Every structure is written in structure tokens, then in C-alpha cells.
Amino acid sequence: MSADASDEELERLKAAKMAELQKKMAEEEERLRREAERQAAMRIILTPEARQRLANLRLVKPELVAQLEEQLIQLANSGRVPLPITDEMLKEILARITSKREIRIRRL
């Protein structure tokens, strides 16, 4: 392999790596932007006490909190819930979401 071919291959590898890094940076920036928008919406939708409850819950069940935040944003955007949501209202919502229905099987 000649020196020119090695240099060209090295340049192609550098370009591919640079493109990959730029793509990762763009994805990370987009993720951070969406998270900032979500946090801004939560400041409007929830009282400080309710936001603190969600922050505490996020430590234990991050998937549940992410799902709940999406639902709260949708409910607030559609006007189906009074704003701001208090800590008591949030506790009721969480109780409804996390309650497990008991299934009974009766044999006849």
C-alpha cells in the first residue's frame, strides 16, 4: 500500500469519526433541549411541592415519572386538568396510576 493510499484511508477514517461525533453531539443537544422544555412545562403545571414530590419519586421510579410528566403535559395542553396541580392532586393521580386491581377468579 502506498503512502498516498494510507493517507487517504486515514482521512476517510477521520472524516467518518468526525461525522459520528457531530451526530452524537446533535442528539445530545436535542435531548437536553427536550428536557429543558419538559422542566419549563412542569414549572407551569405543578406547584413547587408537587415538583418536589416528582423529584423524589424520580429517584425510585424514573420510568414512571417520565411517563407521568408526558401525561400531565398532554392533560394541561388539552385543558383537561386545572392548573397548577397541587401536591394533593398529584398524590391522587399517583394513587390512581399505581393502584393495582385485584383479580378474583371464581370457580363455579
PDB file of N, CA and C in Angstrom:
ATOM      1  N   MET A   1       0.854  -1.164   0.000  1.00  0.00           N
ATOM      2  CA  MET A   1       0.000   0.000   0.000  1.00  0.00           C
ATOM      3  C   MET A   1       0.896   1.222   0.000  1.00  0.00           C
ATOM      4  N   SER A   2       0.594   2.183  -0.837  1.00  0.00           N
ATOM      5  CA  SER A   2       1.434   3.367  -0.945  1.00  0.00           C
ATOM      6  C   SER A   2       1.078   4.365   0.151  1.00  0.00           C
ATOM      7  N   ALA A   3       1.945   5.339   0.319  1.00  0.00           N
ATOM      8  CA  ALA A   3       1.746   6.356   1.352  1.00  0.00           C
ATOM      9  C   ALA A   3       0.503   7.180   1.044  1.00  0.00           C
ATOM     10  N   ASP A   4       0.249   7.439  -0.257  1.00  0.00           N
ATOM     11  CA  ASP A   4      -0.941   8.216  -0.635  1.00  0.00           C
ATOM     12  C   ASP A   4      -2.219   7.464  -0.271  1.00  0.00           C
ATOM     13  N   ALA A   5      -2.243   6.151  -0.506  1.00  0.00           N
ATOM     14  CA  ALA A   5      -3.425   5.350  -0.184  1.00  0.00           C
ATOM     15  C   ALA A   5      -3.645   5.317   1.330  1.00  0.00           C
ATOM     16  N   SER A   6      -2.568   5.217   2.119  1.00  0.00           N
ATOM     17  CA  SER A   6      -2.703   5.223   3.582  1.00  0.00           C
ATOM     18  C   SER A   6      -3.226   6.557   4.069  1.00  0.00           C
ATOM     19  N   ASP A   7      -2.703   7.641   3.472  1.00  0.00           N
ATOM     20  CA  ASP A   7      -3.167   8.975   3.863  1.00  0.00           C
ATOM     21  C   ASP A   7      -4.642   9.158   3.536  1.00  0.00           C
ATOM     22  N   GLU A   8      -5.070   8.674   2.384  1.00  0.00           N
ATOM     23  CA  GLU A   8      -6.477   8.792   2.004  1.00  0.00           C
ATOM     24  C   GLU A   8      -7.360   7.980   2.939  1.00  0.00           C
ATOM     25  N   GLU A   9      -6.913   6.779   3.273  1.00  0.00           N
ATOM     26  CA  GLU A   9      -7.687   5.937   4.195  1.00  0.00           C
ATOM     27  C   GLU A   9      -7.771   6.591   5.571  1.00  0.00           C
ATOM     28  N   LEU A  10      -6.670   7.157   6.042  1.00  0.00           N
ATOM     29  CA  LEU A  10      -6.650   7.843   7.324  1.00  0.00           C
ATOM     30  C   LEU A  10      -7.602   9.041   7.315  1.00  0.00           C
ATOM     31  N   GLU A  11      -7.599   9.791   6.237  1.00  0.00           N
ATOM     32  CA  GLU A  11      -8.505  10.943   6.118  1.00  0.00           C
ATOM     33  C   GLU A  11      -9.966  10.493   6.109  1.00  0.00           C
ATOM     34  N   ARG A  12     -10.252   9.379   5.427  1.00  0.00           N
ATOM     35  CA  ARG A  12     -11.633   8.850   5.402  1.00  0.00           C
ATOM     36  C   ARG A  12     -12.065   8.435   6.810  1.00  0.00           C
ATOM     37  N   LEU A  13     -11.156   7.776   7.534  1.00  0.00           N
ATOM     38  CA  LEU A  13     -11.475   7.363   8.903  1.00  0.00           C
ATOM     39  C   LEU A  13     -11.699   8.570   9.812  1.00  0.00           C
ATOM     40  N   LYS A  14     -10.859   9.591   9.653  1.00  0.00           N
ATOM     41  CA  LYS A  14     -11.011  10.810  10.446  1.00  0.00           C
ATOM     42  C   LYS A  14     -12.353  11.479  10.147  1.00  0.00           C
ATOM     43  N   ALA A  15     -12.705  11.557   8.874  1.00  0.00           N
ATOM     44  CA  ALA A  15     -13.965  12.185   8.474  1.00  0.00           C
ATOM     45  C   ALA A  15     -15.164  11.406   9.023  1.00  0.00           C
ATOM     46  N   ALA A  16     -15.084  10.081   8.961  1.00  0.00           N
ATOM     47  CA  ALA A  16     -16.178   9.247   9.480  1.00  0.00           C
ATOM     48  C   ALA A  16     -16.308   9.436  10.990  1.00  0.00           C
ATOM     49  N   LYS A  17     -15.196   9.468  11.694  1.00  0.00           N
ATOM     50  CA  LYS A  17     -15.225   9.652  13.137  1.00  0.00           C
ATOM     51  C   LYS A  17     -15.777  11.028  13.498  1.00  0.00           C
ATOM     52  N   MET A  18     -15.382  12.038  12.741  1.00  0.00           N
ATOM     53  CA  MET A  18     -15.867  13.399  12.984  1.00  0.00           C
ATOM     54  C   MET A  18     -17.372  13.480  12.748  1.00  0.00           C
ATOM     55  N   ALA A  19     -17.863  12.852  11.707  1.00  0.00           N
ATOM     56  CA  ALA A  19     -19.294  12.841  11.422  1.00  0.00           C
ATOM     57  C   ALA A  19     -20.060  12.139  12.539  1.00  0.00           C
ATOM     58  N   GLU A  20     -19.506  11.047  13.036  1.00  0.00           N
ATOM     59  CA  GLU A  20     -20.140  10.308  14.131  1.00  0.00           C
ATOM     60  C   GLU A  20     -20.203  11.164  15.398  1.00  0.00           C
ATOM     61  N   LEU A  21     -19.119  11.857  15.710  1.00  0.00           N
ATOM     62  CA  LEU A  21     -19.092  12.718  16.889  1.00  0.00           C
ATOM     63  C   LEU A  21     -20.079  13.868  16.752  1.00  0.00           C
ATOM     64  N   GLN A  22     -20.171  14.454  15.554  1.00  0.00           N
ATOM     65  CA  GLN A  22     -21.115  15.551  15.333  1.00  0.00           C
ATOM     66  C   GLN A  22     -22.554  15.064  15.492  1.00  0.00           C
ATOM     67  N   LYS A  23     -22.827  13.860  15.025  1.00  0.00           N
ATOM     68  CA  LYS A  23     -24.173  13.301  15.152  1.00  0.00           C
ATOM     69  C   LYS A  23     -24.512  13.079  16.627  1.00  0.00           C
ATOM     70  N   LYS A  24     -23.560  12.536  17.387  1.00  0.00           N
ATOM     71  CA  LYS A  24     -23.785  12.306  18.811  1.00  0.00           C
ATOM     72  C   LYS A  24     -24.006  13.620  19.543  1.00  0.00           C
ATOM     73  N   MET A  25     -23.233  14.651  19.196  1.00  0.00           N
ATOM     74  CA  MET A  25     -23.394  15.952  19.832  1.00  0.00           C
ATOM     75  C   MET A  25     -24.763  16.544  19.516  1.00  0.00           C
ATOM     76  N   ALA A  26     -25.202  16.413  18.279  1.00  0.00           N
ATOM     77  CA  ALA A  26     -26.516  16.928  17.894  1.00  0.00           C
ATOM     78  C   ALA A  26     -27.627  16.201  18.641  1.00  0.00           C
ATOM     79  N   GLU A  27     -27.503  14.879  18.779  1.00  0.00           N
ATOM     80  CA  GLU A  27     -28.502  14.103  19.523  1.00  0.00           C
ATOM     81  C   GLU A  27     -28.535  14.517  20.982  1.00  0.00           C
ATOM     82  N   GLU A  28     -27.376  14.734  21.583  1.00  0.00           N
ATOM     83  CA  GLU A  28     -27.300  15.142  22.981  1.00  0.00           C
ATOM     84  C   GLU A  28     -27.904  16.537  23.168  1.00  0.00           C
ATOM     85  N   GLU A  29     -27.622  17.447  22.256  1.00  0.00           N
ATOM     86  CA  GLU A  29     -28.199  18.789  22.333  1.00  0.00           C
ATOM     87  C   GLU A  29     -29.718  18.725  22.230  1.00  0.00           C
ATOM     88  N   GLU A  30     -30.226  17.884  21.358  1.00  0.00           N
ATOM     89  CA  GLU A  30     -31.671  17.726  21.194  1.00  0.00           C
ATOM     90  C   GLU A  30     -32.285  17.151  22.469  1.00  0.00           C
ATOM     91  N   ARG A  31     -31.633  16.180  23.077  1.00  0.00           N
ATOM     92  CA  ARG A  31     -32.124  15.591  24.318  1.00  0.00           C
ATOM     93  C   ARG A  31     -32.156  16.633  25.429  1.00  0.00           C
ATOM     94  N   LEU A  32     -31.101  17.434  25.531  1.00  0.00           N
ATOM     95  CA  LEU A  32     -31.048  18.477  26.553  1.00  0.00           C
ATOM     96  C   LEU A  32     -32.114  19.543  26.320  1.00  0.00           C
ATOM     97  N   ARG A  33     -32.370  19.886  25.062  1.00  0.00           N
ATOM     98  CA  ARG A  33     -33.397  20.871  24.736  1.00  0.00           C
ATOM     99  C   ARG A  33     -34.775  20.364  25.135  1.00  0.00           C
ATOM    100  N   ARG A  34     -35.057  19.076  24.814  1.00  0.00           N
ATOM    101  CA  ARG A  34     -36.355  18.491  25.184  1.00  0.00           C
ATOM    102  C   ARG A  34     -36.516  18.441  26.701  1.00  0.00           C
ATOM    103  N   GLU A  35     -35.446  18.104  27.415  1.00  0.00           N
ATOM    104  CA  GLU A  35     -35.510  18.047  28.876  1.00  0.00           C
ATOM    105  C   GLU A  35     -35.758  19.437  29.453  1.00  0.00           C
ATOM    106  N   ALA A  36     -35.122  20.459  28.897  1.00  0.00           N
ATOM    107  CA  ALA A  36     -35.339  21.825  29.369  1.00  0.00           C
ATOM    108  C   ALA A  36     -36.790  22.254  29.128  1.00  0.00           C
ATOM    109  N   GLU A  37     -37.344  21.901  27.969  1.00  0.00           N
ATOM    110  CA  GLU A  37     -38.745  22.213  27.680  1.00  0.00           C
ATOM    111  C   GLU A  37     -39.667  21.505  28.660  1.00  0.00           C
ATOM    112  N   ARG A  38     -39.361  20.254  28.955  1.00  0.00           N
ATOM    113  CA  ARG A  38     -40.179  19.475  29.893  1.00  0.00           C
ATOM    114  C   ARG A  38     -40.143  20.114  31.281  1.00  0.00           C
ATOM    115  N   GLN A  39     -38.955  20.507  31.732  1.00  0.00           N
ATOM    116  CA  GLN A  39     -38.834  21.126  33.051  1.00  0.00           C
ATOM    117  C   GLN A  39     -39.571  22.462  33.104  1.00  0.00           C
ATOM    118  N   ALA A  40     -39.515  23.236  32.036  1.00  0.00           N
ATOM    119  CA  ALA A  40     -40.244  24.505  31.991  1.00  0.00           C
ATOM    120  C   ALA A  40     -41.746  24.264  32.073  1.00  0.00           C
ATOM    121  N   ALA A  41     -42.226  23.243  31.371  1.00  0.00           N
ATOM    122  CA  ALA A  41     -43.652  22.909  31.409  1.00  0.00           C
ATOM    123  C   ALA A  41     -44.044  22.455  32.812  1.00  0.00           C
ATOM    124  N   MET A  42     -43.197  21.677  33.466  1.00  0.00           N
ATOM    125  CA  MET A  42     -43.507  21.198  34.815  1.00  0.00           C
ATOM    126  C   MET A  42     -43.564  22.366  35.808  1.00  0.00           C
ATOM    127  N   ARG A  43     -42.747  23.412  35.611  1.00  0.00           N
ATOM    128  CA  ARG A  43     -42.798  24.580  36.492  1.00  0.00           C
ATOM    129  C   ARG A  43     -44.139  25.299  36.368  1.00  0.00           C
ATOM    130  N   ILE A  44     -44.729  25.256  35.191  1.00  0.00           N
ATOM    131  CA  ILE A  44     -46.027  25.895  34.970  1.00  0.00           C
ATOM    132  C   ILE A  44     -47.163  25.009  35.479  1.00  0.00           C
ATOM    133  N   ILE A  45     -47.063  23.720  35.230  1.00  0.00           N
ATOM    134  CA  ILE A  45     -48.155  22.787  35.522  1.00  0.00           C
ATOM    135  C   ILE A  45     -48.246  22.453  37.006  1.00  0.00           C
ATOM    136  N   LEU A  46     -47.118  22.310  37.692  1.00  0.00           N
ATOM    137  CA  LEU A  46     -47.102  21.824  39.076  1.00  0.00           C
ATOM    138  C   LEU A  46     -46.695  22.918  40.059  1.00  0.00           C
ATOM    139  N   THR A  47     -47.220  22.796  41.274  1.00  0.00           N
ATOM    140  CA  THR A  47     -46.753  23.670  42.352  1.00  0.00           C
ATOM    141  C   THR A  47     -45.368  23.194  42.778  1.00  0.00           C
ATOM    142  N   PRO A  48     -44.622  24.033  43.506  1.00  0.00           N
ATOM    143  CA  PRO A  48     -43.281  23.603  43.950  1.00  0.00           C
ATOM    144  C   PRO A  48     -43.304  22.314  44.779  1.00  0.00           C
ATOM    145  N   GLU A  49     -44.315  22.149  45.617  1.00  0.00           N
ATOM    146  CA  GLU A  49     -44.408  20.942  46.432  1.00  0.00           C
ATOM    147  C   GLU A  49     -44.619  19.707  45.555  1.00  0.00           C
ATOM    148  N   ALA A  50     -45.473  19.839  44.552  1.00  0.00           N
ATOM    149  CA  ALA A  50     -45.736  18.718  43.646  1.00  0.00           C
ATOM    150  C   ALA A  50     -44.482  18.381  42.828  1.00  0.00           C
ATOM    151  N   ARG A  51     -43.746  19.404  42.393  1.00  0.00           N
ATOM    152  CA  ARG A  51     -42.494  19.155  41.660  1.00  0.00           C
ATOM    153  C   ARG A  51     -41.495  18.425  42.549  1.00  0.00           C
ATOM    154  N   GLN A  52     -41.447  18.796  43.834  1.00  0.00           N
ATOM    155  CA  GLN A  52     -40.533  18.128  44.757  1.00  0.00           C
ATOM    156  C   GLN A  52     -40.927  16.666  44.930  1.00  0.00           C
ATOM    157  N   ARG A  53     -42.229  16.388  45.003  1.00  0.00           N
ATOM    158  CA  ARG A  53     -42.696  15.002  45.121  1.00  0.00           C
ATOM    159  C   ARG A  53     -42.244  14.201  43.900  1.00  0.00           C
ATOM    160  N   LEU A  54     -42.389  14.777  42.705  1.00  0.00           N
ATOM    161  CA  LEU A  54     -41.954  14.076  41.488  1.00  0.00           C
ATOM    162  C   LEU A  54     -40.446  13.861  41.488  1.00  0.00           C
ATOM    163  N   ALA A  55     -39.699  14.854  41.956  1.00  0.00           N
ATOM    164  CA  ALA A  55     -38.234  14.713  42.006  1.00  0.00           C
ATOM    165  C   ALA A  55     -37.844  13.570  42.937  1.00  0.00           C
ATOM    166  N   ASN A  56     -38.527  13.465  44.070  1.00  0.00           N
ATOM    167  CA  ASN A  56     -38.241  12.361  44.996  1.00  0.00           C
ATOM    168  C   ASN A  56     -38.611  11.024  44.376  1.00  0.00           C
ATOM    169  N   LEU A  57     -39.751  10.986  43.716  1.00  0.00           N
ATOM    170  CA  LEU A  57     -40.201   9.745  43.084  1.00  0.00           C
ATOM    171  C   LEU A  57     -39.282   9.333  41.930  1.00  0.00           C
ATOM    172  N   ARG A  58     -38.713  10.323  41.255  1.00  0.00           N
ATOM    173  CA  ARG A  58     -37.820  10.040  40.120  1.00  0.00           C
ATOM    174  C   ARG A  58     -36.606   9.219  40.559  1.00  0.00           C
ATOM    175  N   LEU A  59     -36.180   9.403  41.803  1.00  0.00           N
ATOM    176  CA  LEU A  59     -35.033   8.643  42.313  1.00  0.00           C
ATOM    177  C   LEU A  59     -35.349   7.152  42.379  1.00  0.00           C
ATOM    178  N   VAL A  60     -36.622   6.823  42.629  1.00  0.00           N
ATOM    179  CA  VAL A  60     -37.015   5.436  42.793  1.00  0.00           C
ATOM    180  C   VAL A  60     -37.571   4.841  41.504  1.00  0.00           C
ATOM    181  N   LYS A  61     -38.418   5.614  40.819  1.00  0.00           N
ATOM    182  CA  LYS A  61     -39.093   5.112  39.618  1.00  0.00           C
ATOM    183  C   LYS A  61     -38.999   6.133  38.476  1.00  0.00           C
ATOM    184  N   PRO A  62     -37.831   6.264  37.862  1.00  0.00           N
ATOM    185  CA  PRO A  62     -37.671   7.279  36.804  1.00  0.00           C
ATOM    186  C   PRO A  62     -38.583   7.046  35.599  1.00  0.00           C
ATOM    187  N   GLU A  63     -38.875   5.775  35.255  1.00  0.00           N
ATOM    188  CA  GLU A  63     -39.726   5.491  34.100  1.00  0.00           C
ATOM    189  C   GLU A  63     -41.150   5.969  34.361  1.00  0.00           C
ATOM    190  N   LEU A  64     -41.637   5.740  35.579  1.00  0.00           N
ATOM    191  CA  LEU A  64     -42.984   6.163  35.942  1.00  0.00           C
ATOM    192  C   LEU A  64     -43.105   7.678  35.883  1.00  0.00           C
ATOM    193  N   VAL A  65     -42.107   8.381  36.389  1.00  0.00           N
ATOM    194  CA  VAL A  65     -42.140   9.842  36.407  1.00  0.00           C
ATOM    195  C   VAL A  65     -42.103  10.394  34.985  1.00  0.00           C
ATOM    196  N   ALA A  66     -41.270   9.831  34.128  1.00  0.00           N
ATOM    197  CA  ALA A  66     -41.204  10.296  32.742  1.00  0.00           C
ATOM    198  C   ALA A  66     -42.555  10.119  32.060  1.00  0.00           C
ATOM    199  N   GLN A  67     -43.180   8.983  32.275  1.00  0.00           N
ATOM    200  CA  GLN A  67     -44.490   8.709  31.684  1.00  0.00           C
ATOM    201  C   GLN A  67     -45.543   9.664  32.256  1.00  0.00           C
ATOM    202  N   LEU A  68     -45.506   9.882  33.557  1.00  0.00           N
ATOM    203  CA  LEU A  68     -46.461  10.769  34.201  1.00  0.00           C
ATOM    204  C   LEU A  68     -46.297  12.206  33.716  1.00  0.00           C
ATOM    205  N   GLU A  69     -45.064  12.655  33.565  1.00  0.00           N
ATOM    206  CA  GLU A  69     -44.826  14.014  33.075  1.00  0.00           C
ATOM    207  C   GLU A  69     -45.403  14.195  31.681  1.00  0.00           C
ATOM    208  N   GLU A  70     -45.214  13.214  30.818  1.00  0.00           N
ATOM    209  CA  GLU A  70     -45.795  13.293  29.471  1.00  0.00           C
ATOM    210  C   GLU A  70     -47.313  13.401  29.534  1.00  0.00           C
ATOM    211  N   GLN A  71     -47.930  12.599  30.400  1.00  0.00           N
ATOM    212  CA  GLN A  71     -49.391  12.630  30.532  1.00  0.00           C
ATOM    213  C   GLN A  71     -49.856  13.971  31.090  1.00  0.00           C
ATOM    214  N   LEU A  72     -49.144  14.508  32.074  1.00  0.00           N
ATOM    215  CA  LEU A  72     -49.522  15.792  32.652  1.00  0.00           C
ATOM    216  C   LEU A  72     -49.417  16.919  31.629  1.00  0.00           C
ATOM    217  N   ILE A  73     -48.382  16.887  30.817  1.00  0.00           N
ATOM    218  CA  ILE A  73     -48.225  17.902  29.775  1.00  0.00           C
ATOM    219  C   ILE A  73     -49.377  17.813  28.783  1.00  0.00           C
ATOM    220  N   GLN A  74     -49.728  16.611  28.386  1.00  0.00           N
ATOM    221  CA  GLN A  74     -50.844  16.436  27.449  1.00  0.00           C
ATOM    222  C   GLN A  74     -52.155  16.902  28.071  1.00  0.00           C
ATOM    223  N   LEU A  75     -52.401  16.552  29.329  1.00  0.00           N
ATOM    224  CA  LEU A  75     -53.628  16.977  30.001  1.00  0.00           C
ATOM    225  C   LEU A  75     -53.690  18.492  30.128  1.00  0.00           C
ATOM    226  N   ALA A  76     -52.571  19.109  30.471  1.00  0.00           N
ATOM    227  CA  ALA A  76     -52.534  20.564  30.617  1.00  0.00           C
ATOM    228  C   ALA A  76     -52.742  21.247  29.271  1.00  0.00           C
ATOM    229  N   ASN A  77     -52.126  20.722  28.224  1.00  0.00           N
ATOM    230  CA  ASN A  77     -52.281  21.311  26.895  1.00  0.00           C
ATOM    231  C   ASN A  77     -53.716  21.212  26.397  1.00  0.00           C
ATOM    232  N   SER A  78     -54.407  20.140  26.765  1.00  0.00           N
ATOM    233  CA  SER A  78     -55.785  19.966  26.313  1.00  0.00           C
ATOM    234  C   SER A  78     -56.779  20.655  27.244  1.00  0.00           C
ATOM    235  N   GLY A  79     -56.300  21.182  28.379  1.00  0.00           N
ATOM    236  CA  GLY A  79     -57.168  21.882  29.312  1.00  0.00           C
ATOM    237  C   GLY A  79     -58.032  20.961  30.142  1.00  0.00           C
ATOM    238  N   ARG A  80     -57.686  19.701  30.249  1.00  0.00           N
ATOM    239  CA  ARG A  80     -58.497  18.724  30.976  1.00  0.00           C
ATOM    240  C   ARG A  80     -58.166  18.648  32.452  1.00  0.00           C
ATOM    241  N   VAL A  81     -57.223  19.463  32.924  1.00  0.00           N
ATOM    242  CA  VAL A  81     -56.846  19.445  34.330  1.00  0.00           C
ATOM    243  C   VAL A  81     -56.631  20.896  34.781  1.00  0.00           C
ATOM    244  N   PRO A  82     -57.094  21.254  35.990  1.00  0.00           N
ATOM    245  CA  PRO A  82     -56.892  22.629  36.468  1.00  0.00           C
ATOM    246  C   PRO A  82     -55.419  22.873  36.817  1.00  0.00           C
ATOM    247  N   LEU A  83     -54.953  24.076  36.499  1.00  0.00           N
ATOM    248  CA  LEU A  83     -53.552  24.412  36.769  1.00  0.00           C
ATOM    249  C   LEU A  83     -53.476  25.424  37.890  1.00  0.00           C
ATOM    250  N   PRO A  84     -52.461  25.429  38.694  1.00  0.00           N
ATOM    251  CA  PRO A  84     -51.422  24.406  38.787  1.00  0.00           C
ATOM    252  C   PRO A  84     -51.916  23.198  39.579  1.00  0.00           C
ATOM    253  N   ILE A  85     -51.305  22.096  39.332  1.00  0.00           N
ATOM    254  CA  ILE A  85     -51.642  20.861  40.040  1.00  0.00           C
ATOM    255  C   ILE A  85     -50.930  20.899  41.389  1.00  0.00           C
ATOM    256  N   THR A  86     -51.704  20.759  42.442  1.00  0.00           N
ATOM    257  CA  THR A  86     -51.136  20.799  43.790  1.00  0.00           C
ATOM    258  C   THR A  86     -50.564  19.438  44.167  1.00  0.00           C
ATOM    259  N   ASP A  87     -49.879  19.429  45.304  1.00  0.00           N
ATOM    260  CA  ASP A  87     -49.299  18.187  45.798  1.00  0.00           C
ATOM    261  C   ASP A  87     -50.400  17.172  46.103  1.00  0.00           C
ATOM    262  N   GLU A  88     -51.511  17.627  46.666  1.00  0.00           N
ATOM    263  CA  GLU A  88     -52.621  16.722  46.980  1.00  0.00           C
ATOM    264  C   GLU A  88     -53.203  16.110  45.706  1.00  0.00           C
ATOM    265  N   MET A  89     -53.388  16.935  44.680  1.00  0.00           N
ATOM    266  CA  MET A  89     -53.913  16.427  43.409  1.00  0.00           C
ATOM    267  C   MET A  89     -52.949  15.413  42.802  1.00  0.00           C
ATOM    268  N   LEU A  90     -51.667  15.705  42.897  1.00  0.00           N
ATOM    269  CA  LEU A  90     -50.662  14.800  42.347  1.00  0.00           C
ATOM    270  C   LEU A  90     -50.674  13.470  43.092  1.00  0.00           C
ATOM    271  N   LYS A  91     -50.858  13.522  44.417  1.00  0.00           N
ATOM    272  CA  LYS A  91     -50.934  12.275  45.193  1.00  0.00           C
ATOM    273  C   LYS A  91     -52.118  11.433  44.726  1.00  0.00           C
ATOM    274  N   GLU A  92     -53.254  12.086  44.455  1.00  0.00           N
ATOM    275  CA  GLU A  92     -54.427  11.356  43.969  1.00  0.00           C
ATOM    276  C   GLU A  92     -54.143  10.725  42.608  1.00  0.00           C
ATOM    277  N   ILE A  93     -53.515  11.476  41.724  1.00  0.00           N
ATOM    278  CA  ILE A  93     -53.178  10.955  40.391  1.00  0.00           C
ATOM    279  C   ILE A  93     -52.236   9.760  40.522  1.00  0.00           C
ATOM    280  N   LEU A  94     -51.226   9.896  41.371  1.00  0.00           N
ATOM    281  CA  LEU A  94     -50.273   8.799  41.573  1.00  0.00           C
ATOM    282  C   LEU A  94     -50.961   7.575  42.166  1.00  0.00           C
ATOM    283  N   ALA A  95     -51.887   7.795  43.085  1.00  0.00           N
ATOM    284  CA  ALA A  95     -52.602   6.676  43.683  1.00  0.00           C
ATOM    285  C   ALA A  95     -53.419   5.934  42.634  1.00  0.00           C
ATOM    286  N   ARG A  96     -54.049   6.686  41.738  1.00  0.00           N
ATOM    287  CA  ARG A  96     -54.835   6.037  40.676  1.00  0.00           C
ATOM    288  C   ARG A  96     -53.944   5.269  39.707  1.00  0.00           C
ATOM    289  N   ILE A  97     -52.800   5.832  39.403  1.00  0.00           N
ATOM    290  CA  ILE A  97     -51.898   5.186  38.441  1.00  0.00           C
ATOM    291  C   ILE A  97     -51.276   3.925  39.035  1.00  0.00           C
ATOM    292  N   THR A  98     -50.878   4.011  40.288  1.00  0.00           N
ATOM    293  CA  THR A  98     -50.131   2.901  40.878  1.00  0.00           C
ATOM    294  C   THR A  98     -51.005   1.863  41.544  1.00  0.00           C
ATOM    295  N   SER A  99     -52.310   2.140  41.666  1.00  0.00           N
ATOM    296  CA  SER A  99     -53.170   1.142  42.310  1.00  0.00           C
ATOM    297  C   SER A  99     -53.271  -0.089  41.418  1.00  0.00           C
ATOM    298  N   LYS A 100     -53.180  -1.213  42.053  1.00  0.00           N
ATOM    299  CA  LYS A 100     -53.261  -2.466  41.309  1.00  0.00           C
ATOM    300  C   LYS A 100     -54.635  -3.052  41.557  1.00  0.00           C
ATOM    301  N   ARG A 101     -55.258  -3.440  40.508  1.00  0.00           N
ATOM    302  CA  ARG A 101     -56.576  -4.034  40.636  1.00  0.00           C
ATOM    303  C   ARG A 101     -56.434  -5.492  41.046  1.00  0.00           C
ATOM    304  N   GLU A 102     -57.290  -5.863  41.950  1.00  0.00           N
ATOM    305  CA  GLU A 102     -57.276  -7.224  42.426  1.00  0.00           C
ATOM    306  C   GLU A 102     -58.154  -8.063  41.491  1.00  0.00           C
ATOM    307  N   ILE A 103     -57.609  -9.148  41.040  1.00  0.00           N
ATOM    308  CA  ILE A 103     -58.341 -10.022  40.152  1.00  0.00           C
ATOM    309  C   ILE A 103     -58.747 -11.264  40.940  1.00  0.00           C
ATOM    310  N   ARG A 104     -60.014 -11.540  40.916  1.00  0.00           N
ATOM    311  CA  ARG A 104     -60.524 -12.712  41.626  1.00  0.00           C
ATOM    312  C   ARG A 104     -61.084 -13.676  40.602  1.00  0.00           C
ATOM    313  N   ILE A 105     -60.752 -14.912  40.770  1.00  0.00           N
ATOM    314  CA  ILE A 105     -61.270 -15.957  39.886  1.00  0.00           C
ATOM    315  C   ILE A 105     -62.211 -16.828  40.702  1.00  0.00           C
ATOM    316  N   ARG A 106     -63.442 -16.885  40.251  1.00  0.00           N
ATOM    317  CA  ARG A 106     -64.418 -17.722  40.949  1.00  0.00           C
ATOM    318  C   ARG A 106     -64.661 -18.959  40.116  1.00  0.00           C
ATOM    319  N   ARG A 107     -64.618 -20.046  40.765  1.00  0.00           N
ATOM    320  CA  ARG A 107     -64.905 -21.318  40.055  1.00  0.00           C
ATOM    321  C   ARG A 107     -66.332 -21.719  40.388  1.00  0.00           C
ATOM    322  N   LEU A 108     -67.038 -22.044  39.373  1.00  0.00           N
ATOM    323  CA  LEU A 108     -68.448 -22.424  39.553  1.00  0.00           C
ATOM    324  C   LEU A 108     -68.644 -23.912  39.538  1.00  0.00           C
TER     325      LEU A 108
END
